[in-house]
C-alpha atoms as a PDB file:
ATOM      1  CA  UNK A   1     -80.021  27.875 162.032  1.00  0.00           C
ATOM      2  CA  UNK A   2     -83.690  28.479 161.444  1.00  0.00           C
ATOM      3  CA  UNK A   3     -85.245  29.530 158.211  1.00  0.00           C
ATOM      4  CA  UNK A   4     -86.035  32.943 159.657  1.00  0.00           C
ATOM      5  CA  UNK A   5     -82.406  33.509 160.669  1.00  0.00           C
ATOM      6  CA  UNK A   6     -81.194  32.513 157.194  1.00  0.00           C
ATOM      7  CA  UNK A   7     -83.689  34.863 155.614  1.00  0.00           C
ATOM      8  CA  UNK A   8     -82.618  37.814 157.805  1.00  0.00           C
ATOM      9  CA  UNK A   9     -78.917  37.124 157.179  1.00  0.00           C
ATOM     10  CA  UNK A  10     -79.429  37.119 153.434  1.00  0.00           C
ATOM     11  CA  UNK A  11     -81.385  40.347 153.559  1.00  0.00           C
ATOM     12  CA  UNK A  12     -78.621  42.079 155.542  1.00  0.00           C
ATOM     13  CA  UNK A  13     -75.945  40.791 153.167  1.00  0.00           C
ATOM     14  CA  UNK A  14     -77.607  42.326 150.131  1.00  0.00           C
ATOM     15  CA  UNK A  15     -79.261  45.294 151.840  1.00  0.00           C
ATOM     16  CA  UNK A  16     -77.012  47.936 150.389  1.00  0.00           C
ATOM     17  CA  UNK A  17     -77.371  47.162 146.691  1.00  0.00           C
ATOM     18  CA  UNK A  18     -79.814  44.323 146.104  1.00  0.00           C
ATOM     19  CA  UNK A  19     -79.952  43.000 142.532  1.00  0.00           C
ATOM     20  CA  UNK A  20     -83.003  43.963 140.635  1.00  0.00           C
ATOM     21  CA  UNK A  21     -84.134  40.312 140.326  1.00  0.00           C
ATOM     22  CA  UNK A  22     -83.110  39.305 143.879  1.00  0.00           C
ATOM     23  CA  UNK A  23     -85.731  37.123 145.530  1.00  0.00           C
ATOM     24  CA  UNK A  24     -85.018  36.027 149.115  1.00  0.00           C
ATOM     25  CA  UNK A  25     -87.591  33.223 148.918  1.00  0.00           C
ATOM     26  CA  UNK A  26     -85.864  31.663 145.908  1.00  0.00           C
ATOM     27  CA  UNK A  27     -82.506  31.837 147.646  1.00  0.00           C
ATOM     28  CA  UNK A  28     -83.927  30.158 150.736  1.00  0.00           C
ATOM     29  CA  UNK A  29     -85.352  27.328 148.613  1.00  0.00           C
ATOM     30  CA  UNK A  30     -81.960  26.738 146.931  1.00  0.00           C
ATOM     31  CA  UNK A  31     -80.225  26.597 150.302  1.00  0.00           C
ATOM     32  CA  UNK A  32     -82.774  24.102 151.589  1.00  0.00           C
ATOM     33  CA  UNK A  33     -82.402  21.970 148.437  1.00  0.00           C
ATOM     34  CA  UNK A  34     -78.607  21.818 148.906  1.00  0.00           C
ATOM     35  CA  UNK A  35     -79.080  20.869 152.545  1.00  0.00           C
ATOM     36  CA  UNK A  36     -81.493  18.069 151.550  1.00  0.00           C
ATOM     37  CA  UNK A  37     -79.101  16.696 148.920  1.00  0.00           C
ATOM     38  CA  UNK A  38     -76.255  16.767 151.443  1.00  0.00           C
ATOM     39  CA  UNK A  39     -78.352  14.815 153.970  1.00  0.00           C
ATOM     40  CA  UNK A  40     -79.277  12.242 151.285  1.00  0.00           C
ATOM     41  CA  UNK A  41     -75.626  11.715 150.309  1.00  0.00           C
ATOM     42  CA  UNK A  42     -74.632  11.282 153.941  1.00  0.00           C
ATOM     43  CA  UNK A  43     -77.438   8.728 154.442  1.00  0.00           C
ATOM     44  CA  UNK A  44     -76.353   6.719 151.389  1.00  0.00           C
ATOM     45  CA  UNK A  45     -72.763   6.658 152.620  1.00  0.00           C
ATOM     46  CA  UNK A  46     -73.789   5.464 156.065  1.00  0.00           C
ATOM     47  CA  UNK A  47     -75.984   2.711 154.581  1.00  0.00           C
ATOM     48  CA  UNK A  48     -73.139   1.529 152.342  1.00  0.00           C
ATOM     49  CA  UNK A  49     -70.755   1.349 155.293  1.00  0.00           C
ATOM     50  CA  UNK A  50     -73.311  -0.638 157.322  1.00  0.00           C
ATOM     51  CA  UNK A  51     -73.722  -3.157 154.480  1.00  0.00           C
ATOM     52  CA  UNK A  52     -69.953  -3.539 154.118  1.00  0.00           C
ATOM     53  CA  UNK A  53     -69.468  -4.145 157.837  1.00  0.00           C
ATOM     54  CA  UNK A  54     -72.356  -6.611 157.910  1.00  0.00           C
ATOM     55  CA  UNK A  55     -70.929  -8.590 155.024  1.00  0.00           C
ATOM     56  CA  UNK A  56     -67.640  -9.083 156.889  1.00  0.00           C
ATOM     57  CA  UNK A  57     -69.208  -9.841 160.255  1.00  0.00           C
ATOM     58  CA  UNK A  58     -72.055 -12.101 159.065  1.00  0.00           C
ATOM     59  CA  UNK A  59     -70.094 -15.420 159.058  1.00  0.00           C
ATOM     60  CA  UNK A  60     -69.087 -14.848 162.644  1.00  0.00           C
ATOM     61  CA  UNK A  61     -72.689 -14.155 163.644  1.00  0.00           C
ATOM     62  CA  UNK A  62     -74.098 -17.341 162.117  1.00  0.00           C
ATOM     63  CA  UNK A  63     -74.664 -20.389 164.340  1.00  0.00           C
ATOM     64  CA  UNK A  64     -71.712 -22.721 164.416  1.00  0.00           C
ATOM     65  CA  UNK A  65     -73.512 -25.664 162.861  1.00  0.00           C
ATOM     66  CA  UNK A  66     -74.825 -23.532 160.000  1.00  0.00           C
ATOM     67  CA  UNK A  67     -71.381 -22.045 159.491  1.00  0.00           C
ATOM     68  CA  UNK A  68     -69.928 -25.526 159.321  1.00  0.00           C
ATOM     69  CA  UNK A  69     -72.576 -26.501 156.822  1.00  0.00           C
ATOM     70  CA  UNK A  70     -71.769 -23.524 154.642  1.00  0.00           C
ATOM     71  CA  UNK A  71     -68.108 -24.419 154.751  1.00  0.00           C
ATOM     72  CA  UNK A  72     -68.940 -27.961 153.758  1.00  0.00           C
ATOM     73  CA  UNK A  73     -71.023 -26.738 150.806  1.00  0.00           C
ATOM     74  CA  UNK A  74     -68.230 -24.688 149.275  1.00  0.00           C
ATOM     75  CA  UNK A  75     -65.499 -27.198 150.080  1.00  0.00           C
ATOM     76  CA  UNK A  76     -64.263 -29.015 147.014  1.00  0.00           C
ATOM     77  CA  UNK A  77     -64.698 -32.755 146.895  1.00  0.00           C
ATOM     78  CA  UNK A  78     -61.560 -34.525 148.019  1.00  0.00           C
ATOM     79  CA  UNK A  79     -60.218 -37.324 145.899  1.00  0.00           C
ATOM     80  CA  UNK A  80     -60.808 -40.894 147.036  1.00  0.00           C
ATOM     81  CA  UNK A  81     -57.816 -42.780 148.401  1.00  0.00           C
ATOM     82  CA  UNK A  82     -55.785 -44.136 145.521  1.00  0.00           C
ATOM     83  CA  UNK A  83     -56.711 -47.706 144.707  1.00  0.00           C
ATOM     84  CA  UNK A  84     -54.205 -50.473 144.252  1.00  0.00           C
ATOM     85  CA  UNK A  85     -52.779 -50.268 140.709  1.00  0.00           C
ATOM     86  CA  UNK A  86     -54.217 -52.865 138.348  1.00  0.00           C
ATOM     87  CA  UNK A  87     -50.751 -54.240 137.607  1.00  0.00           C
ATOM     88  CA  UNK A  88     -50.118 -54.812 141.287  1.00  0.00           C
ATOM     89  CA  UNK A  89     -53.469 -56.539 141.760  1.00  0.00           C
ATOM     90  CA  UNK A  90     -52.722 -58.835 138.836  1.00  0.00           C
ATOM     91  CA  UNK A  91     -49.317 -59.769 140.187  1.00  0.00           C
ATOM     92  CA  UNK A  92     -50.710 -60.284 143.686  1.00  0.00           C
ATOM     93  CA  UNK A  93     -53.222 -62.760 142.252  1.00  0.00           C
ATOM     94  CA  UNK A  94     -50.429 -64.605 140.470  1.00  0.00           C
ATOM     95  CA  UNK A  95     -48.299 -64.721 143.600  1.00  0.00           C
ATOM     96  CA  UNK A  96     -51.155 -66.279 145.582  1.00  0.00           C
ATOM     97  CA  UNK A  97     -51.654 -68.850 142.861  1.00  0.00           C
ATOM     98  CA  UNK A  98     -47.950 -69.729 142.900  1.00  0.00           C
ATOM     99  CA  UNK A  99     -48.081 -70.159 146.689  1.00  0.00           C
ATOM    100  CA  UNK A 100     -51.064 -72.465 146.342  1.00  0.00           C
ATOM    101  CA  UNK A 101     -49.308 -74.598 143.712  1.00  0.00           C
ATOM    102  CA  UNK A 102     -46.157 -74.855 145.824  1.00  0.00           C
ATOM    103  CA  UNK A 103     -48.230 -75.964 148.817  1.00  0.00           C
ATOM    104  CA  UNK A 104     -49.858 -78.763 146.791  1.00  0.00           C
ATOM    105  CA  UNK A 105     -46.761 -79.863 144.917  1.00  0.00           C
ATOM    106  CA  UNK A 106     -43.861 -79.605 147.302  1.00  0.00           C
ATOM    107  CA  UNK A 107     -41.640 -81.443 144.817  1.00  0.00           C
ATOM    108  CA  UNK A 108     -41.702 -78.468 142.426  1.00  0.00           C
ATOM    109  CA  UNK A 109     -38.920 -75.895 142.388  1.00  0.00           C
ATOM    110  CA  UNK A 110     -38.626 -72.293 141.257  1.00  0.00           C
ATOM    111  CA  UNK A 111     -42.382 -71.684 141.431  1.00  0.00           C
ATOM    112  CA  UNK A 112     -43.323 -68.084 140.664  1.00  0.00           C
ATOM    113  CA  UNK A 113     -45.886 -66.162 138.634  1.00  0.00           C
ATOM    114  CA  UNK A 114     -45.942 -63.386 136.084  1.00  0.00           C
ATOM    115  CA  UNK A 115     -49.379 -61.771 135.647  1.00  0.00           C
ATOM    116  CA  UNK A 116     -50.570 -58.681 133.820  1.00  0.00           C
ATOM    117  CA  UNK A 117     -53.888 -56.907 133.186  1.00  0.00           C
ATOM    118  CA  UNK A 118     -55.457 -57.596 129.808  1.00  0.00           C
ATOM    119  CA  UNK A 119     -54.345 -60.122 127.218  1.00  0.00           C
ATOM    120  CA  UNK A 120     -51.113 -62.049 126.943  1.00  0.00           C
ATOM    121  CA  UNK A 121     -47.959 -60.150 126.064  1.00  0.00           C
ATOM    122  CA  UNK A 122     -45.772 -61.586 123.335  1.00  0.00           C
ATOM    123  CA  UNK A 123     -42.973 -62.324 123.668  1.00  0.00           C
ATOM    124  CA  UNK A 124     -43.460 -63.190 127.374  1.00  0.00           C
ATOM    125  CA  UNK A 125     -40.433 -61.186 128.534  1.00  0.00           C
ATOM    126  CA  UNK A 126     -41.836 -57.911 127.135  1.00  0.00           C
ATOM    127  CA  UNK A 127     -42.198 -55.450 129.999  1.00  0.00           C
ATOM    128  CA  UNK A 128     -44.639 -52.945 128.466  1.00  0.00           C
ATOM    129  CA  UNK A 129     -48.360 -53.746 128.649  1.00  0.00           C
ATOM    130  CA  UNK A 130     -50.626 -53.031 125.659  1.00  0.00           C
ATOM    131  CA  UNK A 131     -53.740 -50.910 126.143  1.00  0.00           C
ATOM    132  CA  UNK A 132     -56.653 -53.062 127.317  1.00  0.00           C
ATOM    133  CA  UNK A 133     -59.571 -53.031 124.888  1.00  0.00           C
ATOM    134  CA  UNK A 134     -63.184 -54.185 125.134  1.00  0.00           C
ATOM    135  CA  UNK A 135     -63.486 -57.969 125.302  1.00  0.00           C
ATOM    136  CA  UNK A 136     -59.932 -58.519 126.492  1.00  0.00           C
ATOM    137  CA  UNK A 137     -59.351 -60.731 129.545  1.00  0.00           C
ATOM    138  CA  UNK A 138     -59.212 -59.085 132.928  1.00  0.00           C
ATOM    139  CA  UNK A 139     -55.902 -60.787 133.756  1.00  0.00           C
ATOM    140  CA  UNK A 140     -53.592 -63.224 132.049  1.00  0.00           C
ATOM    141  CA  UNK A 141     -50.362 -64.812 133.123  1.00  0.00           C
ATOM    142  CA  UNK A 142     -48.157 -67.815 133.704  1.00  0.00           C
ATOM    143  CA  UNK A 143     -47.223 -69.749 136.809  1.00  0.00           C
ATOM    144  CA  UNK A 144     -43.672 -70.939 136.199  1.00  0.00           C
ATOM    145  CA  UNK A 145     -42.359 -74.138 137.751  1.00  0.00           C
ATOM    146  CA  UNK A 146     -39.558 -76.649 137.477  1.00  0.00           C
ATOM    147  CA  UNK A 147     -40.161 -80.351 137.980  1.00  0.00           C
ATOM    148  CA  UNK A 148     -37.917 -83.395 137.550  1.00  0.00           C
ATOM    149  CA  UNK A 149     -38.085 -83.021 133.762  1.00  0.00           C
ATOM    150  CA  UNK A 150     -37.333 -79.312 133.577  1.00  0.00           C
ATOM    151  CA  UNK A 151     -38.852 -75.828 133.542  1.00  0.00           C
ATOM    152  CA  UNK A 152     -42.370 -75.224 132.210  1.00  0.00           C
ATOM    153  CA  UNK A 153     -45.459 -73.179 133.098  1.00  0.00           C
ATOM    154  CA  UNK A 154     -49.210 -73.153 133.623  1.00  0.00           C
ATOM    155  CA  UNK A 155     -51.344 -70.749 131.577  1.00  0.00           C
ATOM    156  CA  UNK A 156     -54.037 -68.666 133.342  1.00  0.00           C
ATOM    157  CA  UNK A 157     -56.843 -66.504 131.917  1.00  0.00           C
ATOM    158  CA  UNK A 158     -59.357 -64.490 133.978  1.00  0.00           C
ATOM    159  CA  UNK A 159     -62.094 -63.015 131.805  1.00  0.00           C
ATOM    160  CA  UNK A 160     -65.665 -61.704 131.693  1.00  0.00           C
ATOM    161  CA  UNK A 161     -66.089 -62.520 128.001  1.00  0.00           C
ATOM    162  CA  UNK A 162     -68.093 -65.661 128.769  1.00  0.00           C
ATOM    163  CA  UNK A 163     -67.539 -69.391 128.381  1.00  0.00           C
ATOM    164  CA  UNK A 164     -68.285 -71.563 125.359  1.00  0.00           C
ATOM    165  CA  UNK A 165     -68.572 -75.101 126.637  1.00  0.00           C
ATOM    166  CA  UNK A 166     -68.932 -76.561 123.150  1.00  0.00           C
ATOM    167  CA  UNK A 167     -65.559 -75.172 122.137  1.00  0.00           C
ATOM    168  CA  UNK A 168     -64.011 -76.176 125.445  1.00  0.00           C
ATOM    169  CA  UNK A 169     -65.166 -79.786 125.245  1.00  0.00           C
ATOM    170  CA  UNK A 170     -65.078 -80.175 121.454  1.00  0.00           C
ATOM    171  CA  UNK A 171     -61.743 -82.017 121.228  1.00  0.00           C
ATOM    172  CA  UNK A 172     -61.570 -83.236 124.809  1.00  0.00           C
ATOM    173  CA  UNK A 173     -61.307 -86.940 125.582  1.00  0.00           C
ATOM    174  CA  UNK A 174     -62.950 -86.304 128.954  1.00  0.00           C
ATOM    175  CA  UNK A 175     -65.078 -83.259 129.799  1.00  0.00           C
ATOM    176  CA  UNK A 176     -67.208 -82.912 132.916  1.00  0.00           C
ATOM    177  CA  UNK A 177     -68.967 -80.258 135.029  1.00  0.00           C
ATOM    178  CA  UNK A 178     -68.524 -80.182 138.792  1.00  0.00           C
ATOM    179  CA  UNK A 179     -71.024 -78.005 140.666  1.00  0.00           C
ATOM    180  CA  UNK A 180     -69.519 -76.378 143.741  1.00  0.00           C
ATOM    181  CA  UNK A 181     -71.173 -75.518 147.060  1.00  0.00           C
ATOM    182  CA  UNK A 182     -70.603 -71.792 146.545  1.00  0.00           C
ATOM    183  CA  UNK A 183     -72.652 -71.739 143.331  1.00  0.00           C
ATOM    184  CA  UNK A 184     -69.727 -71.775 140.932  1.00  0.00           C
ATOM    185  CA  UNK A 185     -69.269 -74.486 138.285  1.00  0.00           C
ATOM    186  CA  UNK A 186     -65.943 -76.117 137.510  1.00  0.00           C
ATOM    187  CA  UNK A 187     -65.509 -77.771 134.119  1.00  0.00           C
ATOM    188  CA  UNK A 188     -62.587 -80.145 133.679  1.00  0.00           C
ATOM    189  CA  UNK A 189     -61.201 -81.138 130.287  1.00  0.00           C
ATOM    190  CA  UNK A 190     -58.525 -83.699 129.428  1.00  0.00           C
ATOM    191  CA  UNK A 191     -57.058 -83.888 125.939  1.00  0.00           C
ATOM    192  CA  UNK A 192     -54.946 -86.788 124.640  1.00  0.00           C
ATOM    193  CA  UNK A 193     -54.875 -85.516 121.055  1.00  0.00           C
ATOM    194  CA  UNK A 194     -54.419 -89.001 119.580  1.00  0.00           C
ATOM    195  CA  UNK A 195     -51.561 -90.020 121.880  1.00  0.00           C
ATOM    196  CA  UNK A 196     -51.310 -92.316 124.892  1.00  0.00           C
ATOM    197  CA  UNK A 197     -50.312 -89.518 127.248  1.00  0.00           C
ATOM    198  CA  UNK A 198     -52.206 -86.404 128.261  1.00  0.00           C
ATOM    199  CA  UNK A 199     -51.172 -83.484 126.062  1.00  0.00           C
ATOM    200  CA  UNK A 200     -53.368 -80.867 127.683  1.00  0.00           C
ATOM    201  CA  UNK A 201     -55.571 -80.434 130.748  1.00  0.00           C
ATOM    202  CA  UNK A 202     -57.840 -77.418 131.266  1.00  0.00           C
ATOM    203  CA  UNK A 203     -59.975 -76.383 134.216  1.00  0.00           C
ATOM    204  CA  UNK A 204     -62.559 -73.576 134.040  1.00  0.00           C
ATOM    205  CA  UNK A 205     -64.432 -72.072 136.952  1.00  0.00           C
ATOM    206  CA  UNK A 206     -67.560 -70.033 136.218  1.00  0.00           C
ATOM    207  CA  UNK A 207     -68.766 -67.541 138.807  1.00  0.00           C
ATOM    208  CA  UNK A 208     -72.345 -66.312 139.163  1.00  0.00           C
ATOM    209  CA  UNK A 209     -71.072 -62.777 138.486  1.00  0.00           C
ATOM    210  CA  UNK A 210     -70.027 -63.847 134.976  1.00  0.00           C
ATOM    211  CA  UNK A 211     -66.318 -64.085 135.733  1.00  0.00           C
ATOM    212  CA  UNK A 212     -64.534 -67.064 134.178  1.00  0.00           C
ATOM    213  CA  UNK A 213     -61.170 -68.407 135.353  1.00  0.00           C
ATOM    214  CA  UNK A 214     -59.289 -70.909 133.209  1.00  0.00           C
ATOM    215  CA  UNK A 215     -56.018 -72.694 134.064  1.00  0.00           C
ATOM    216  CA  UNK A 216     -54.227 -75.001 131.648  1.00  0.00           C
ATOM    217  CA  UNK A 217     -51.268 -77.355 131.743  1.00  0.00           C
ATOM    218  CA  UNK A 218     -49.628 -78.645 128.562  1.00  0.00           C
ATOM    219  CA  UNK A 219     -47.036 -81.140 127.329  1.00  0.00           C
ATOM    220  CA  UNK A 220     -44.838 -78.141 126.508  1.00  0.00           C
ATOM    221  CA  UNK A 221     -44.088 -74.735 128.005  1.00  0.00           C
ATOM    222  CA  UNK A 222     -46.984 -72.455 126.938  1.00  0.00           C
ATOM    223  CA  UNK A 223     -45.004 -69.310 127.746  1.00  0.00           C
ATOM    224  CA  UNK A 224     -42.490 -69.917 124.938  1.00  0.00           C
ATOM    225  CA  UNK A 225     -43.621 -73.049 123.051  1.00  0.00           C
ATOM    226  CA  UNK A 226     -40.527 -75.064 123.965  1.00  0.00           C
ATOM    227  CA  UNK A 227     -39.760 -77.866 126.421  1.00  0.00           C
ATOM    228  CA  UNK A 228     -41.676 -80.645 124.761  1.00  0.00           C
ATOM    229  CA  UNK A 229     -42.516 -83.570 127.084  1.00  0.00           C
ATOM    230  CA  UNK A 230     -44.621 -86.745 126.974  1.00  0.00           C
ATOM    231  CA  UNK A 231     -47.359 -85.581 129.314  1.00  0.00           C
ATOM    232  CA  UNK A 232     -48.550 -82.585 131.313  1.00  0.00           C
ATOM    233  CA  UNK A 233     -46.595 -81.511 134.424  1.00  0.00           C
ATOM    234  CA  UNK A 234     -49.678 -81.012 136.627  1.00  0.00           C
ATOM    235  CA  UNK A 235     -52.808 -83.176 136.844  1.00  0.00           C
ATOM    236  CA  UNK A 236     -56.349 -81.943 136.382  1.00  0.00           C
ATOM    237  CA  UNK A 237     -57.036 -82.518 140.094  1.00  0.00           C
ATOM    238  CA  UNK A 238     -54.298 -80.052 141.031  1.00  0.00           C
ATOM    239  CA  UNK A 239     -55.672 -77.473 138.610  1.00  0.00           C
ATOM    240  CA  UNK A 240     -59.131 -77.841 140.133  1.00  0.00           C
ATOM    241  CA  UNK A 241     -57.673 -77.326 143.598  1.00  0.00           C
ATOM    242  CA  UNK A 242     -55.890 -74.189 142.345  1.00  0.00           C
ATOM    243  CA  UNK A 243     -58.957 -72.647 140.769  1.00  0.00           C
ATOM    244  CA  UNK A 244     -61.021 -73.393 143.886  1.00  0.00           C
ATOM    245  CA  UNK A 245     -58.476 -72.085 146.416  1.00  0.00           C
ATOM    246  CA  UNK A 246     -60.242 -69.485 148.585  1.00  0.00           C
ATOM    247  CA  UNK A 247     -56.946 -67.716 149.255  1.00  0.00           C
ATOM    248  CA  UNK A 248     -56.867 -66.598 145.611  1.00  0.00           C
ATOM    249  CA  UNK A 249     -59.082 -63.518 145.257  1.00  0.00           C
ATOM    250  CA  UNK A 250     -60.335 -64.087 141.720  1.00  0.00           C
ATOM    251  CA  UNK A 251     -63.122 -61.507 141.922  1.00  0.00           C
END
């Protein structure tokens, strides 16, 4: 409808008794203003609908590689595969050491190991492990064995706390360093402690990483302090072979 037609229609509608202040031009302007507002509202509604549709359809319109990249960005980081529990690693190390001892001393019976993370647990049969604190050994344990005299054990410590050679050799009758081809150093100590028979033998292997492994044999059972005997059950040469066995994953 044109402006002229609207004007004529309004004039006919009020022709009989027009109000005193009736102004057709003012009425036309109001009608046009309402029409403009209506058009603006319709335009806003259409624009909102277009934005809503675009927001839902945009992921499907993106290139596949970009879409994959977006998905990768918002994807939460998955947890790494669970590592072997520390207790299991400790026991696995002890089991390998027991196998190595049995292979070198076939005369021994009932050879088995009991290893745990951290320091020694007292008494030895305690099943709960204390919380590991700074400076504690990485692993400790015993390799149990039975020889012709009776049951006893070897004592093992794996630590990163360092090695004090002066303390190690202080009371030793014989103390010597043996450099190995792989860069590690093995220190052997033999202790008679004023007797004619060996009362203690210790072997320490120092790795370039700072790890220190120490294995000891005694004229008694170090796991419980009993089983006194005249000499050690295993020689220093056997201990050196144990600490150098490549099948034992010390690090």
